[in-house]
Amino acid sequence: QVQLVESGGGLVQAGGSLRLSCAASGRTFSNYAMGWFRQAPGKERDFVAAILWSGNATYSADFVKGRFTISRDNTKNTVYLQMNSLKPEDTAVYYCALVAQKKGHSVLSIYEYDYWGQGTQVTVSS
């Protein structure tokens, strides 16, 4: 089993920045990837960014490119999402997720992920 704990959400003005963290514990030695998704009220859960646990490959949704950066610290089993130039439309609950075993979907797909965090609220005021 793997546990994921997000932190770093909050209220920020448009144009501001936040850094989300996701700490993984438990059976994390064979991770394939970790990712961030977000879900606004009444909407589907959308892919934001993902990073493979080995190598340097990262993936980002078009709507965050140039503003959000995903990174990881393998020694801490932690993934970060640095969010800059935040917009009101970025308001959502942000979820961290982990791929323990690759299943053949893209890391952009929620179906590839095995474990999810509880979510952290990000609110951007105009």
N, C-alpha and C. Protein backbone atom coordinates (compact mmCIF):
# COMPACT_ATOMS: atom_id res chain seq x y z
N GLN A 1 0.83 -1.20 0.00
CA GLN A 1 0.00 0.00 0.00
C GLN A 1 0.86 1.25 0.00
N VAL A 2 0.35 2.29 -0.59
CA VAL A 2 1.02 3.57 -0.66
C VAL A 2 0.09 4.65 -0.13
N GLN A 3 0.63 5.55 0.63
CA GLN A 3 -0.14 6.69 1.10
C GLN A 3 0.45 7.97 0.50
N LEU A 4 -0.42 8.86 0.07
CA LEU A 4 -0.01 10.13 -0.52
C LEU A 4 -0.63 11.26 0.29
N VAL A 5 0.20 12.21 0.66
CA VAL A 5 -0.28 13.34 1.45
C VAL A 5 0.13 14.63 0.75
N GLU A 6 -0.87 15.41 0.32
CA GLU A 6 -0.60 16.69 -0.34
C GLU A 6 -0.58 17.81 0.69
N SER A 7 0.14 18.86 0.35
CA SER A 7 0.15 20.07 1.15
C SER A 7 0.51 21.24 0.26
N GLY A 8 0.26 22.45 0.77
CA GLY A 8 0.67 23.64 0.05
C GLY A 8 -0.44 24.42 -0.62
N GLY A 9 -1.66 23.90 -0.58
CA GLY A 9 -2.76 24.64 -1.19
C GLY A 9 -3.12 25.86 -0.35
N GLY A 10 -4.02 26.68 -0.90
CA GLY A 10 -4.45 27.86 -0.16
C GLY A 10 -5.10 28.87 -1.07
N LEU A 11 -5.23 30.07 -0.54
CA LEU A 11 -5.84 31.19 -1.26
C LEU A 11 -4.75 32.14 -1.71
N VAL A 12 -4.79 32.51 -2.98
CA VAL A 12 -3.78 33.41 -3.53
C VAL A 12 -4.44 34.33 -4.54
N GLN A 13 -3.90 35.51 -4.71
CA GLN A 13 -4.42 36.44 -5.70
C GLN A 13 -3.92 36.06 -7.09
N ALA A 14 -4.69 36.47 -8.08
CA ALA A 14 -4.27 36.22 -9.46
C ALA A 14 -2.88 36.79 -9.70
N GLY A 15 -2.05 36.01 -10.41
CA GLY A 15 -0.68 36.39 -10.64
C GLY A 15 0.29 35.88 -9.61
N GLY A 16 -0.24 35.35 -8.53
CA GLY A 16 0.60 34.84 -7.46
C GLY A 16 1.09 33.43 -7.71
N SER A 17 1.78 32.88 -6.70
CA SER A 17 2.39 31.55 -6.83
C SER A 17 2.07 30.70 -5.61
N LEU A 18 2.05 29.40 -5.84
CA LEU A 18 1.95 28.41 -4.78
C LEU A 18 2.82 27.22 -5.16
N ARG A 19 3.30 26.51 -4.15
CA ARG A 19 3.99 25.25 -4.42
C ARG A 19 3.30 24.14 -3.66
N LEU A 20 2.82 23.17 -4.40
CA LEU A 20 2.20 22.00 -3.81
C LEU A 20 3.25 20.91 -3.63
N SER A 21 3.09 20.16 -2.54
CA SER A 21 3.97 19.02 -2.28
C SER A 21 3.12 17.78 -2.11
N CYS A 22 3.70 16.65 -2.49
CA CYS A 22 3.02 15.37 -2.31
C CYS A 22 4.06 14.37 -1.82
N ALA A 23 3.89 13.94 -0.58
CA ALA A 23 4.82 12.98 0.01
C ALA A 23 4.21 11.58 -0.05
N ALA A 24 4.98 10.65 -0.58
CA ALA A 24 4.54 9.27 -0.69
C ALA A 24 5.21 8.43 0.39
N SER A 25 4.44 7.55 0.98
CA SER A 25 4.99 6.63 1.97
C SER A 25 4.41 5.24 1.74
N GLY A 26 5.07 4.26 2.32
CA GLY A 26 4.64 2.88 2.12
C GLY A 26 5.50 2.20 1.08
N ARG A 27 4.90 1.38 0.22
CA ARG A 27 5.63 0.63 -0.78
C ARG A 27 5.91 1.50 -1.99
N THR A 28 6.94 2.36 -1.90
CA THR A 28 7.23 3.32 -2.95
C THR A 28 8.45 2.98 -3.77
N PHE A 29 9.10 1.85 -3.49
CA PHE A 29 10.39 1.59 -4.11
C PHE A 29 10.27 1.27 -5.59
N SER A 30 9.09 0.91 -6.07
CA SER A 30 8.95 0.53 -7.48
C SER A 30 8.02 1.46 -8.23
N ASN A 31 7.95 2.73 -7.81
CA ASN A 31 7.10 3.70 -8.50
C ASN A 31 7.47 3.82 -9.95
N TYR A 32 6.47 4.02 -10.80
CA TYR A 32 6.73 4.32 -12.21
C TYR A 32 6.61 5.82 -12.48
N ALA A 33 5.61 6.44 -11.93
CA ALA A 33 5.40 7.88 -12.19
C ALA A 33 4.50 8.47 -11.11
N MET A 34 4.55 9.77 -11.00
CA MET A 34 3.60 10.50 -10.15
C MET A 34 3.05 11.67 -10.93
N GLY A 35 1.86 12.05 -10.60
CA GLY A 35 1.23 13.11 -11.35
C GLY A 35 0.33 13.98 -10.50
N TRP A 36 -0.09 15.09 -11.07
CA TRP A 36 -1.05 16.00 -10.46
C TRP A 36 -2.25 16.13 -11.39
N PHE A 37 -3.41 16.08 -10.78
CA PHE A 37 -4.67 16.32 -11.47
C PHE A 37 -5.43 17.39 -10.71
N ARG A 38 -6.44 17.97 -11.32
CA ARG A 38 -7.25 18.94 -10.62
C ARG A 38 -8.71 18.78 -11.02
N GLN A 39 -9.57 19.17 -10.09
CA GLN A 39 -11.00 19.04 -10.32
C GLN A 39 -11.72 20.25 -9.76
N ALA A 40 -12.36 20.99 -10.64
CA ALA A 40 -13.18 22.13 -10.24
C ALA A 40 -14.61 21.64 -10.00
N PRO A 41 -15.40 22.37 -9.22
CA PRO A 41 -16.77 21.96 -8.93
C PRO A 41 -17.58 21.72 -10.20
N GLY A 42 -18.22 20.56 -10.28
CA GLY A 42 -19.05 20.23 -11.41
C GLY A 42 -18.31 19.82 -12.67
N LYS A 43 -17.00 19.69 -12.56
CA LYS A 43 -16.20 19.33 -13.75
C LYS A 43 -15.45 18.02 -13.51
N GLU A 44 -14.94 17.47 -14.61
CA GLU A 44 -14.17 16.24 -14.52
C GLU A 44 -12.78 16.52 -13.95
N ARG A 45 -12.15 15.45 -13.52
CA ARG A 45 -10.78 15.56 -13.02
C ARG A 45 -9.83 15.62 -14.22
N ASP A 46 -9.07 16.68 -14.30
CA ASP A 46 -8.20 16.93 -15.44
C ASP A 46 -6.73 16.72 -15.11
N PHE A 47 -6.00 16.21 -16.07
CA PHE A 47 -4.56 16.06 -15.95
C PHE A 47 -3.89 17.43 -15.90
N VAL A 48 -2.90 17.56 -15.01
CA VAL A 48 -2.12 18.80 -14.93
C VAL A 48 -0.68 18.55 -15.34
N ALA A 49 -0.02 17.62 -14.66
CA ALA A 49 1.39 17.35 -14.95
C ALA A 49 1.76 15.99 -14.39
N ALA A 50 2.82 15.41 -14.95
CA ALA A 50 3.31 14.12 -14.46
C ALA A 50 4.82 14.05 -14.65
N ILE A 51 5.44 13.19 -13.86
CA ILE A 51 6.88 13.01 -13.94
C ILE A 51 7.19 11.54 -13.71
N LEU A 52 8.09 11.01 -14.52
CA LEU A 52 8.51 9.63 -14.32
C LEU A 52 9.46 9.56 -13.13
N TRP A 53 9.45 8.43 -12.45
CA TRP A 53 10.25 8.32 -11.24
C TRP A 53 11.74 8.16 -11.55
N SER A 54 12.09 7.72 -12.75
CA SER A 54 13.48 7.67 -13.17
C SER A 54 13.62 8.43 -14.47
N GLY A 55 14.80 8.97 -14.69
CA GLY A 55 14.98 9.79 -15.87
C GLY A 55 14.45 11.19 -15.66
N ASN A 56 14.32 11.92 -16.74
CA ASN A 56 13.95 13.33 -16.65
C ASN A 56 12.64 13.67 -17.37
N ALA A 57 11.90 12.67 -17.76
CA ALA A 57 10.70 12.93 -18.55
C ALA A 57 9.60 13.55 -17.70
N THR A 58 9.06 14.65 -18.19
CA THR A 58 7.90 15.29 -17.57
C THR A 58 6.85 15.55 -18.63
N TYR A 59 5.63 15.70 -18.18
CA TYR A 59 4.51 15.93 -19.07
C TYR A 59 3.63 17.01 -18.44
N SER A 60 3.12 17.92 -19.25
CA SER A 60 2.28 19.00 -18.73
C SER A 60 1.11 19.24 -19.66
N ALA A 61 -0.02 19.59 -19.08
CA ALA A 61 -1.16 19.98 -19.89
C ALA A 61 -0.88 21.31 -20.57
N ASP A 62 -1.47 21.51 -21.72
CA ASP A 62 -1.22 22.74 -22.48
C ASP A 62 -1.57 23.98 -21.67
N PHE A 63 -2.60 23.88 -20.85
CA PHE A 63 -3.06 25.09 -20.16
C PHE A 63 -2.15 25.51 -19.00
N VAL A 64 -1.14 24.69 -18.66
CA VAL A 64 -0.23 25.09 -17.61
C VAL A 64 1.21 25.26 -18.08
N LYS A 65 1.46 24.95 -19.35
CA LYS A 65 2.83 25.07 -19.84
C LYS A 65 3.31 26.51 -19.74
N GLY A 66 4.52 26.64 -19.22
CA GLY A 66 5.10 27.96 -19.03
C GLY A 66 4.74 28.57 -17.70
N ARG A 67 3.79 27.95 -16.98
CA ARG A 67 3.39 28.49 -15.68
C ARG A 67 3.65 27.50 -14.53
N PHE A 68 3.38 26.24 -14.75
CA PHE A 68 3.54 25.22 -13.71
C PHE A 68 4.74 24.34 -14.04
N THR A 69 5.44 23.92 -13.00
CA THR A 69 6.59 23.03 -13.17
C THR A 69 6.49 21.89 -12.17
N ILE A 70 6.61 20.66 -12.66
CA ILE A 70 6.61 19.50 -11.78
C ILE A 70 8.05 19.05 -11.57
N SER A 71 8.35 18.65 -10.35
CA SER A 71 9.68 18.15 -10.03
C SER A 71 9.56 17.09 -8.95
N ARG A 72 10.65 16.41 -8.68
CA ARG A 72 10.60 15.36 -7.66
C ARG A 72 11.90 15.34 -6.87
N ASP A 73 11.80 14.78 -5.67
CA ASP A 73 12.96 14.51 -4.84
C ASP A 73 12.86 13.05 -4.44
N ASN A 74 13.61 12.21 -5.13
CA ASN A 74 13.52 10.77 -4.88
C ASN A 74 13.93 10.40 -3.47
N THR A 75 14.85 11.16 -2.89
CA THR A 75 15.33 10.84 -1.55
C THR A 75 14.23 11.04 -0.51
N LYS A 76 13.27 11.91 -0.84
CA LYS A 76 12.16 12.19 0.07
C LYS A 76 10.86 11.58 -0.41
N ASN A 77 10.89 10.86 -1.53
CA ASN A 77 9.66 10.32 -2.13
C ASN A 77 8.59 11.41 -2.26
N THR A 78 9.01 12.55 -2.72
CA THR A 78 8.12 13.71 -2.77
C THR A 78 8.13 14.32 -4.17
N VAL A 79 6.95 14.71 -4.61
CA VAL A 79 6.79 15.41 -5.87
C VAL A 79 6.23 16.80 -5.59
N TYR A 80 6.69 17.76 -6.36
CA TYR A 80 6.27 19.14 -6.17
C TYR A 80 5.59 19.66 -7.44
N LEU A 81 4.71 20.62 -7.24
CA LEU A 81 4.12 21.34 -8.36
C LEU A 81 4.25 22.82 -8.06
N GLN A 82 5.19 23.46 -8.74
CA GLN A 82 5.38 24.90 -8.59
C GLN A 82 4.42 25.58 -9.55
N MET A 83 3.53 26.41 -9.01
CA MET A 83 2.52 27.07 -9.81
C MET A 83 2.74 28.58 -9.76
N ASN A 84 3.05 29.15 -10.90
CA ASN A 84 3.27 30.59 -11.03
C ASN A 84 2.20 31.21 -11.93
N SER A 85 2.10 32.51 -11.87
CA SER A 85 1.14 33.25 -12.70
C SER A 85 -0.25 32.64 -12.62
N LEU A 86 -0.69 32.39 -11.42
CA LEU A 86 -1.97 31.72 -11.22
C LEU A 86 -3.13 32.59 -11.70
N LYS A 87 -4.14 31.91 -12.23
CA LYS A 87 -5.33 32.56 -12.76
C LYS A 87 -6.56 32.06 -11.99
N PRO A 88 -7.62 32.85 -11.96
CA PRO A 88 -8.84 32.38 -11.27
C PRO A 88 -9.32 31.02 -11.79
N GLU A 89 -9.12 30.75 -13.07
CA GLU A 89 -9.56 29.47 -13.63
C GLU A 89 -8.71 28.29 -13.18
N ASP A 90 -7.63 28.57 -12.45
CA ASP A 90 -6.84 27.48 -11.85
C ASP A 90 -7.45 27.00 -10.54
N THR A 91 -8.47 27.67 -10.07
CA THR A 91 -9.13 27.28 -8.83
C THR A 91 -9.72 25.88 -8.95
N ALA A 92 -9.32 25.01 -8.03
CA ALA A 92 -9.75 23.62 -8.07
C ALA A 92 -9.17 22.89 -6.86
N VAL A 93 -9.61 21.67 -6.67
CA VAL A 93 -8.94 20.76 -5.75
C VAL A 93 -7.86 20.04 -6.56
N TYR A 94 -6.66 20.08 -6.06
CA TYR A 94 -5.53 19.45 -6.74
C TYR A 94 -5.21 18.13 -6.06
N TYR A 95 -5.11 17.08 -6.88
CA TYR A 95 -4.86 15.74 -6.38
C TYR A 95 -3.52 15.23 -6.88
N CYS A 96 -2.80 14.61 -5.98
CA CYS A 96 -1.57 13.91 -6.32
C CYS A 96 -1.93 12.44 -6.56
N ALA A 97 -1.22 11.82 -7.49
CA ALA A 97 -1.49 10.42 -7.79
C ALA A 97 -0.20 9.70 -8.15
N LEU A 98 -0.23 8.39 -7.99
CA LEU A 98 0.99 7.59 -8.20
C LEU A 98 0.68 6.37 -9.06
N VAL A 99 1.59 6.11 -9.98
CA VAL A 99 1.52 4.89 -10.78
C VAL A 99 2.50 3.90 -10.18
N ALA A 100 1.98 2.86 -9.55
CA ALA A 100 2.85 1.85 -8.96
C ALA A 100 3.32 0.85 -10.02
N GLN A 101 2.43 0.51 -10.92
CA GLN A 101 2.74 -0.45 -11.97
C GLN A 101 2.11 0.03 -13.27
N LYS A 102 2.92 0.11 -14.28
CA LYS A 102 2.44 0.62 -15.57
C LYS A 102 1.39 -0.32 -16.14
N LYS A 103 0.28 0.25 -16.59
CA LYS A 103 -0.83 -0.56 -17.09
C LYS A 103 -1.09 -0.38 -18.57
N GLY A 104 -0.36 0.47 -19.21
CA GLY A 104 -0.51 0.63 -20.64
C GLY A 104 -1.23 1.88 -21.07
N HIS A 105 -1.82 2.60 -20.11
CA HIS A 105 -2.41 3.89 -20.46
C HIS A 105 -1.32 4.96 -20.45
N SER A 106 -1.65 6.11 -20.97
CA SER A 106 -0.73 7.24 -20.87
C SER A 106 -0.71 7.75 -19.44
N VAL A 107 0.39 8.37 -19.03
CA VAL A 107 0.44 8.98 -17.70
C VAL A 107 -0.46 10.22 -17.64
N LEU A 108 -1.03 10.61 -18.76
CA LEU A 108 -1.99 11.70 -18.77
C LEU A 108 -3.40 11.21 -18.39
N SER A 109 -3.57 9.91 -18.31
CA SER A 109 -4.88 9.33 -18.05
C SER A 109 -5.05 8.96 -16.59
N ILE A 110 -6.21 9.27 -16.01
CA ILE A 110 -6.47 8.90 -14.62
C ILE A 110 -6.44 7.39 -14.44
N TYR A 111 -6.67 6.63 -15.50
CA TYR A 111 -6.76 5.18 -15.39
C TYR A 111 -5.41 4.51 -15.21
N GLU A 112 -4.34 5.29 -15.42
CA GLU A 112 -3.01 4.71 -15.24
C GLU A 112 -2.58 4.70 -13.78
N TYR A 113 -3.28 5.49 -12.95
CA TYR A 113 -2.84 5.73 -11.59
C TYR A 113 -3.47 4.76 -10.60
N ASP A 114 -2.64 4.32 -9.64
CA ASP A 114 -3.07 3.33 -8.65
C ASP A 114 -3.48 3.94 -7.32
N TYR A 115 -2.86 5.02 -6.95
CA TYR A 115 -3.11 5.62 -5.64
C TYR A 115 -3.34 7.13 -5.80
N TRP A 116 -4.21 7.65 -4.93
CA TRP A 116 -4.57 9.07 -4.97
C TRP A 116 -4.47 9.67 -3.58
N GLY A 117 -4.08 10.93 -3.52
CA GLY A 117 -4.12 11.67 -2.27
C GLY A 117 -5.51 12.20 -2.01
N GLN A 118 -5.65 12.87 -0.89
CA GLN A 118 -6.96 13.37 -0.47
C GLN A 118 -7.33 14.69 -1.13
N GLY A 119 -6.36 15.33 -1.75
CA GLY A 119 -6.61 16.59 -2.44
C GLY A 119 -6.31 17.79 -1.58
N THR A 120 -5.91 18.86 -2.22
CA THR A 120 -5.68 20.13 -1.53
C THR A 120 -6.31 21.25 -2.35
N GLN A 121 -7.02 22.14 -1.67
CA GLN A 121 -7.76 23.20 -2.34
C GLN A 121 -6.84 24.35 -2.73
N VAL A 122 -6.95 24.75 -3.97
CA VAL A 122 -6.26 25.95 -4.46
C VAL A 122 -7.33 26.92 -4.94
N THR A 123 -7.33 28.12 -4.37
CA THR A 123 -8.30 29.14 -4.74
C THR A 123 -7.54 30.38 -5.18
N VAL A 124 -7.83 30.84 -6.39
CA VAL A 124 -7.18 32.03 -6.93
C VAL A 124 -8.23 33.11 -7.08
N SER A 125 -8.03 34.21 -6.38
CA SER A 125 -8.99 35.31 -6.44
C SER A 125 -8.59 36.32 -7.51
N SER A 126 -9.60 36.94 -8.08
CA SER A 126 -9.32 37.92 -9.15
C SER A 126 -9.12 39.31 -8.60
